[in-house]
Every structure is written in C-alpha cells, then in structure tokens.
C-alpha cells in the first residue's frame, strides 16, 4: 500500500482487539493467514469481530495471505475503491458523502 502512497497504520487496537491495519480513521484491513483462520470457530470469531467493528463505524476489508502475496493487484484495487468512496473517513456514514 505504501508503494502507491497509502499510509497504513499496523497493529492498531480497537475494541480490545488488534487490527492488522487501519487506513484513515475507519477503514480496517484484516489479513487472514490459514494457521489462525482455518476452523469454523476461527470464522465465527472473525465474523463477531467484523460486526463489532461495523457497529463502531468501521468498514472491514478482509484478505487472505494468497491475495496479499499473489493477487496484490486485487487488494490494491479494492482498497483504492474503498478510499474513492470515502470509507476511510469517520464522517462518510453520517453525511452520506463518498
């Protein structure tokens, strides 16, 4: 992300849980490695965390290791689309602005 000028703060704690990255004020990036995200319980934990974050005004983009390492263009395009919509700003939901 930094190669294309996007500042990502890493390992930011929100609601007692670490986020792999945060862009701006409200765009959460989670990267799921197979080791900690392969069982049904892991998936339920991730869904619960995503719901908590959504209720706090965050947009969560979740990618797996393969996407980050092999399909990085998809990750970049997705993040850039979220930024274009203003999803990184705290005021994007309250005002309806993109």
N, C-alpha and C. Protein backbone atom coordinates (compact mmCIF):
# COMPACT_ATOMS: atom_id res chain seq x y z
N UNK A 1 0.82 -1.19 0.00
CA UNK A 1 0.00 0.00 0.00
C UNK A 1 0.87 1.26 0.00
N UNK A 2 1.93 1.22 0.75
CA UNK A 2 2.77 2.41 0.81
C UNK A 2 3.40 2.71 -0.55
N UNK A 3 3.62 1.68 -1.36
CA UNK A 3 4.21 1.88 -2.69
C UNK A 3 3.31 2.73 -3.58
N UNK A 4 2.00 2.72 -3.31
CA UNK A 4 1.07 3.54 -4.09
C UNK A 4 0.58 4.75 -3.29
N UNK A 5 1.30 5.08 -2.22
CA UNK A 5 1.01 6.29 -1.47
C UNK A 5 -0.07 6.19 -0.42
N UNK A 6 -0.39 4.97 0.01
CA UNK A 6 -1.43 4.79 1.03
C UNK A 6 -0.77 4.48 2.36
N UNK A 7 -1.02 5.31 3.35
CA UNK A 7 -0.46 5.11 4.68
C UNK A 7 -1.33 4.12 5.47
N UNK A 8 -0.72 3.04 5.92
CA UNK A 8 -1.43 2.03 6.70
C UNK A 8 -0.78 1.96 8.08
N UNK A 9 -1.58 2.21 9.10
CA UNK A 9 -1.08 2.02 10.47
C UNK A 9 -1.28 0.54 10.80
N UNK A 10 -0.25 -0.10 11.29
CA UNK A 10 -0.30 -1.54 11.55
C UNK A 10 -0.53 -1.84 13.02
N UNK A 11 -1.21 -2.97 13.25
CA UNK A 11 -1.48 -3.48 14.60
C UNK A 11 -2.08 -2.41 15.50
N UNK A 12 -3.21 -1.88 15.07
CA UNK A 12 -3.95 -0.88 15.83
C UNK A 12 -5.01 -1.61 16.66
N UNK A 13 -5.07 -1.31 17.94
CA UNK A 13 -6.04 -1.96 18.82
C UNK A 13 -7.33 -1.15 18.84
N UNK A 14 -8.44 -1.83 18.57
CA UNK A 14 -9.77 -1.23 18.62
C UNK A 14 -10.68 -2.22 19.33
N UNK A 15 -11.43 -1.74 20.28
CA UNK A 15 -12.39 -2.59 20.99
C UNK A 15 -11.69 -3.81 21.61
N UNK A 16 -10.47 -3.62 22.08
CA UNK A 16 -9.74 -4.70 22.73
C UNK A 16 -9.16 -5.76 21.81
N UNK A 17 -9.16 -5.50 20.51
CA UNK A 17 -8.66 -6.47 19.54
C UNK A 17 -7.74 -5.78 18.54
N UNK A 18 -6.70 -6.47 18.08
CA UNK A 18 -5.79 -5.85 17.12
C UNK A 18 -6.34 -5.93 15.69
N UNK A 19 -6.16 -4.86 14.96
CA UNK A 19 -6.43 -4.85 13.52
C UNK A 19 -5.09 -4.92 12.82
N UNK A 20 -5.01 -5.68 11.75
CA UNK A 20 -3.75 -5.78 11.01
C UNK A 20 -3.35 -4.42 10.46
N UNK A 21 -4.34 -3.64 10.02
CA UNK A 21 -4.05 -2.32 9.51
C UNK A 21 -5.27 -1.43 9.56
N UNK A 22 -5.02 -0.13 9.65
CA UNK A 22 -6.08 0.87 9.59
C UNK A 22 -5.61 1.97 8.64
N UNK A 23 -6.51 2.34 7.73
CA UNK A 23 -6.25 3.43 6.80
C UNK A 23 -7.22 4.54 7.15
N UNK A 24 -6.68 5.72 7.33
CA UNK A 24 -7.52 6.85 7.74
C UNK A 24 -8.08 6.59 9.12
N UNK A 25 -9.33 6.97 9.30
CA UNK A 25 -9.96 6.83 10.61
C UNK A 25 -10.81 5.58 10.75
N UNK A 26 -11.31 5.02 9.62
CA UNK A 26 -12.32 3.97 9.75
C UNK A 26 -12.22 2.81 8.76
N UNK A 27 -11.12 2.67 8.03
CA UNK A 27 -11.00 1.54 7.11
C UNK A 27 -10.05 0.51 7.70
N UNK A 28 -10.63 -0.59 8.14
CA UNK A 28 -9.86 -1.66 8.78
C UNK A 28 -9.46 -2.70 7.73
N UNK A 29 -8.21 -3.11 7.80
CA UNK A 29 -7.68 -4.15 6.91
C UNK A 29 -7.30 -5.34 7.77
N UNK A 30 -7.84 -6.49 7.43
CA UNK A 30 -7.51 -7.73 8.13
C UNK A 30 -6.93 -8.71 7.11
N UNK A 31 -5.83 -9.33 7.48
CA UNK A 31 -5.16 -10.31 6.62
C UNK A 31 -5.21 -11.65 7.34
N UNK A 32 -5.87 -12.60 6.71
CA UNK A 32 -6.11 -13.90 7.33
C UNK A 32 -5.13 -14.95 6.81
N UNK A 33 -4.24 -15.36 7.67
CA UNK A 33 -3.38 -16.50 7.36
C UNK A 33 -4.13 -17.79 7.68
N UNK A 34 -3.81 -18.85 6.99
CA UNK A 34 -4.52 -20.12 7.16
C UNK A 34 -4.39 -20.65 8.59
N UNK A 35 -3.25 -20.46 9.20
CA UNK A 35 -2.98 -21.02 10.52
C UNK A 35 -4.00 -20.58 11.57
N UNK A 36 -4.40 -19.31 11.53
CA UNK A 36 -5.30 -18.78 12.55
C UNK A 36 -6.71 -18.52 12.03
N UNK A 37 -7.00 -18.99 10.81
CA UNK A 37 -8.31 -18.69 10.22
C UNK A 37 -8.85 -19.88 9.43
N UNK A 38 -8.55 -21.09 9.86
CA UNK A 38 -8.93 -22.26 9.05
C UNK A 38 -10.09 -23.06 9.63
N UNK A 39 -10.44 -22.87 10.87
CA UNK A 39 -11.50 -23.66 11.50
C UNK A 39 -12.79 -22.85 11.59
N UNK A 40 -13.89 -23.54 11.78
CA UNK A 40 -15.19 -22.88 11.90
C UNK A 40 -15.21 -21.88 13.05
N UNK A 41 -14.59 -22.22 14.16
CA UNK A 41 -14.53 -21.31 15.30
C UNK A 41 -13.76 -20.04 14.97
N UNK A 42 -12.71 -20.19 14.16
CA UNK A 42 -11.96 -19.01 13.73
C UNK A 42 -12.83 -18.08 12.90
N UNK A 43 -13.62 -18.67 12.00
CA UNK A 43 -14.50 -17.89 11.14
C UNK A 43 -15.56 -17.16 11.98
N UNK A 44 -16.13 -17.85 12.96
CA UNK A 44 -17.12 -17.21 13.83
C UNK A 44 -16.49 -16.06 14.61
N UNK A 45 -15.28 -16.24 15.09
CA UNK A 45 -14.57 -15.18 15.81
C UNK A 45 -14.37 -13.96 14.90
N UNK A 46 -13.96 -14.21 13.64
CA UNK A 46 -13.75 -13.12 12.69
C UNK A 46 -15.06 -12.38 12.40
N UNK A 47 -16.14 -13.13 12.21
CA UNK A 47 -17.44 -12.51 11.93
C UNK A 47 -17.90 -11.64 13.11
N UNK A 48 -17.70 -12.14 14.32
CA UNK A 48 -18.07 -11.36 15.51
C UNK A 48 -17.24 -10.08 15.60
N UNK A 49 -15.95 -10.19 15.31
CA UNK A 49 -15.08 -9.02 15.35
C UNK A 49 -15.50 -8.01 14.28
N UNK A 50 -15.81 -8.50 13.08
CA UNK A 50 -16.25 -7.61 12.00
C UNK A 50 -17.54 -6.90 12.38
N UNK A 51 -18.46 -7.59 13.02
CA UNK A 51 -19.73 -6.97 13.44
C UNK A 51 -19.48 -5.89 14.49
N UNK A 52 -18.61 -6.19 15.47
CA UNK A 52 -18.28 -5.17 16.48
C UNK A 52 -17.69 -3.93 15.83
N UNK A 53 -16.79 -4.14 14.87
CA UNK A 53 -16.16 -3.01 14.19
C UNK A 53 -17.18 -2.21 13.38
N UNK A 54 -18.08 -2.91 12.69
CA UNK A 54 -19.11 -2.22 11.90
C UNK A 54 -19.98 -1.36 12.81
N UNK A 55 -20.30 -1.85 13.97
CA UNK A 55 -21.11 -1.08 14.91
C UNK A 55 -20.38 0.14 15.45
N UNK A 56 -19.06 0.11 15.37
CA UNK A 56 -18.25 1.26 15.78
C UNK A 56 -17.94 2.18 14.61
N UNK A 57 -18.51 1.88 13.43
CA UNK A 57 -18.34 2.76 12.27
C UNK A 57 -17.21 2.40 11.33
N UNK A 58 -16.63 1.23 11.51
CA UNK A 58 -15.53 0.80 10.64
C UNK A 58 -16.05 0.01 9.45
N UNK A 59 -15.34 0.13 8.34
CA UNK A 59 -15.51 -0.77 7.21
C UNK A 59 -14.34 -1.74 7.27
N UNK A 60 -14.63 -3.03 7.21
CA UNK A 60 -13.58 -4.04 7.30
C UNK A 60 -13.37 -4.66 5.92
N UNK A 61 -12.14 -4.62 5.44
CA UNK A 61 -11.74 -5.35 4.24
C UNK A 61 -10.86 -6.49 4.71
N UNK A 62 -11.27 -7.69 4.38
CA UNK A 62 -10.57 -8.88 4.85
C UNK A 62 -9.99 -9.61 3.63
N UNK A 63 -8.68 -9.85 3.67
CA UNK A 63 -7.98 -10.54 2.59
C UNK A 63 -7.26 -11.74 3.16
N UNK A 64 -7.01 -12.74 2.32
CA UNK A 64 -6.21 -13.86 2.80
C UNK A 64 -4.77 -13.71 2.30
N UNK A 65 -3.92 -14.56 2.83
CA UNK A 65 -2.49 -14.49 2.54
C UNK A 65 -2.21 -14.59 1.04
N UNK A 66 -2.91 -15.48 0.35
CA UNK A 66 -2.71 -15.67 -1.08
C UNK A 66 -3.02 -14.38 -1.85
N UNK A 67 -4.10 -13.71 -1.49
CA UNK A 67 -4.45 -12.47 -2.16
C UNK A 67 -3.37 -11.41 -1.97
N UNK A 68 -2.85 -11.31 -0.77
CA UNK A 68 -1.84 -10.30 -0.47
C UNK A 68 -0.53 -10.61 -1.20
N UNK A 69 -0.14 -11.88 -1.21
CA UNK A 69 1.16 -12.24 -1.76
C UNK A 69 1.14 -12.50 -3.28
N UNK A 70 0.01 -13.00 -3.80
CA UNK A 70 -0.04 -13.41 -5.21
C UNK A 70 -0.94 -12.50 -6.04
N UNK A 71 -2.05 -12.08 -5.47
CA UNK A 71 -3.02 -11.27 -6.20
C UNK A 71 -3.06 -9.86 -5.61
N UNK A 72 -1.89 -9.28 -5.44
CA UNK A 72 -1.81 -7.99 -4.77
C UNK A 72 -2.52 -6.88 -5.54
N UNK A 73 -2.67 -7.04 -6.84
CA UNK A 73 -3.40 -6.04 -7.63
C UNK A 73 -4.87 -5.97 -7.19
N UNK A 74 -5.47 -7.12 -6.91
CA UNK A 74 -6.85 -7.15 -6.41
C UNK A 74 -6.95 -6.41 -5.08
N UNK A 75 -6.01 -6.66 -4.20
CA UNK A 75 -6.01 -5.99 -2.89
C UNK A 75 -5.90 -4.48 -3.08
N UNK A 76 -4.95 -4.08 -3.91
CA UNK A 76 -4.74 -2.66 -4.16
C UNK A 76 -6.00 -2.02 -4.77
N UNK A 77 -6.58 -2.66 -5.78
CA UNK A 77 -7.78 -2.12 -6.42
C UNK A 77 -8.94 -2.00 -5.44
N UNK A 78 -9.10 -2.99 -4.57
CA UNK A 78 -10.18 -2.97 -3.59
C UNK A 78 -9.99 -1.84 -2.59
N UNK A 79 -8.79 -1.67 -2.11
CA UNK A 79 -8.50 -0.60 -1.15
C UNK A 79 -8.70 0.76 -1.81
N UNK A 80 -8.21 0.91 -3.03
CA UNK A 80 -8.38 2.19 -3.74
C UNK A 80 -9.86 2.50 -3.98
N UNK A 81 -10.67 1.50 -4.27
CA UNK A 81 -12.11 1.70 -4.44
C UNK A 81 -12.75 2.16 -3.13
N UNK A 82 -12.33 1.55 -2.03
CA UNK A 82 -12.86 1.95 -0.71
C UNK A 82 -12.47 3.39 -0.40
N UNK A 83 -11.24 3.77 -0.71
CA UNK A 83 -10.80 5.15 -0.48
C UNK A 83 -11.59 6.12 -1.35
N UNK A 84 -11.84 5.75 -2.60
CA UNK A 84 -12.60 6.60 -3.50
C UNK A 84 -14.02 6.84 -2.98
N UNK A 85 -14.55 5.88 -2.25
CA UNK A 85 -15.88 6.01 -1.66
C UNK A 85 -15.86 6.74 -0.32
N UNK A 86 -14.68 7.07 0.16
CA UNK A 86 -14.56 7.78 1.43
C UNK A 86 -14.72 6.90 2.64
N UNK A 87 -14.58 5.59 2.47
CA UNK A 87 -14.82 4.67 3.59
C UNK A 87 -13.76 4.77 4.69
N UNK A 88 -12.69 5.46 4.44
CA UNK A 88 -11.65 5.65 5.44
C UNK A 88 -11.94 6.83 6.37
N UNK A 89 -12.94 7.64 6.01
CA UNK A 89 -13.25 8.83 6.79
C UNK A 89 -14.33 8.54 7.83
N UNK A 90 -14.18 9.14 8.98
CA UNK A 90 -15.17 8.95 10.06
C UNK A 90 -16.52 9.53 9.69
N UNK A 91 -16.55 10.55 8.86
CA UNK A 91 -17.80 11.22 8.55
C UNK A 91 -18.52 10.65 7.34
N UNK A 92 -18.01 9.61 6.71
CA UNK A 92 -18.62 9.13 5.46
C UNK A 92 -20.02 8.57 5.66
N UNK A 93 -20.30 7.98 6.80
CA UNK A 93 -21.63 7.40 7.03
C UNK A 93 -22.62 8.47 7.48
N UNK A 94 -22.15 9.39 8.30
CA UNK A 94 -23.06 10.39 8.86
C UNK A 94 -23.57 11.36 7.81
N UNK A 95 -22.75 11.67 6.83
CA UNK A 95 -23.14 12.68 5.85
C UNK A 95 -23.63 12.07 4.55
N UNK A 96 -23.33 10.80 4.34
CA UNK A 96 -23.72 10.17 3.08
C UNK A 96 -22.79 10.54 1.94
N UNK A 97 -21.72 11.24 2.24
CA UNK A 97 -20.76 11.64 1.20
C UNK A 97 -19.80 10.50 0.94
N UNK A 98 -19.33 10.42 -0.28
CA UNK A 98 -18.34 9.42 -0.66
C UNK A 98 -16.97 9.96 -0.69
